[in-house]
Amino acid sequence: MSESSDPRLPSARSAPTVPYASYLRVYEPLAVFAEPERTHWAAYARRGVVPTAQDELRRSLSDLVRVPVVGVPAHESADAFTAEVDGVLLVCPWRTRLRGWLALQELAGQFPLPVLDAALPPAARRRAAEEYERWRERNPDARPWIRTAVWQVPLRWFVLVADDEREYLSGERMRYRTPMVQARRRLARGLRTLREAEGYGGLAEGLVEVGSWLEEFHPRSMVELDYGGLVHALSADRLRADHSARDMAVGIAALRAGDEAGAAEAYEELAERWREVRERLFAN
């Protein structure tokens, strides 16, 4: 597996830290993409200068400090994350414009209207919504390759990965990578167990939604759970000790074995750990 970063872009090590977001990404085989996009990604990967996640986030944030604020880019990104696995090129397009539209839809339910109006004027939101509707009519099957969560890693994401897939590079990266077939298998088994138990309806519903998203991709894809900017928010000791995928697997295994008390203890400990992280969003 190989990857590289573009020396012409600001380094994630040298540039200021950007917001604390985690990511769930799908990398699809190059052959899945239709022309002319397939040729574009093949040439893109041959450059050997692929931007990092921090670069992508900084580009997005640059629009938010403009006057007037640009909530959604005027043009779709031509960038992607790439990886080579067993000689096969895998591609995860940024699709920044599409993700911007989807994020605006989510914001409406997360913030009071006065706060939302101050951040992004109603006229700008209406214009973005109208643009998205027109675009959606032309691209009814479009979906993002990347999901983002701020100040947390959603617990349901940990169902997709295993502890032995954990990659930790102190101060720089924490991620899991797994084949799509493994992610779907774990999700299906976990969902079956959660549906048969009481008190885990929310987690089960979240898994159904994630599973529907994963079904949109090629079975030979790769799934990546990346802690992203959270590695800059959590201490090295905290990250070294974090084995959330293992803890989620332990909880589900306990449920499967009928050990409801053991499952509840494992799940509550995991939920509390990430609750503490989310609460930092509201700290001064």
Foldseek 3Di string as FASTA:
>chain_A
DDAAAAPVFDDPVPDDFDFQKWKKFKWAFLVVDDPPLSVLVVVVVVVRHAHDPRRVVVVQVVQQPDVVRQQADPDFDSHWGWDADPNTITTFGQRRRVVSLVVLVVVVVVDPPVVVCVSPNPVNNVVSVVVVVVVCVVVVLDDHRMDMDGLFQPLLVLLQFALVQWDDDQLPWTKGKDQLVSSLVSLVLLLVLQVVDPDCVVSNVVSVVVNVVSVSGDNRMMIMIISPSVSVVDHRVVRVPDRSSHLQVQLSVCSVVVNPVRNVVSVVVSVVVSVVSNCVVVPD
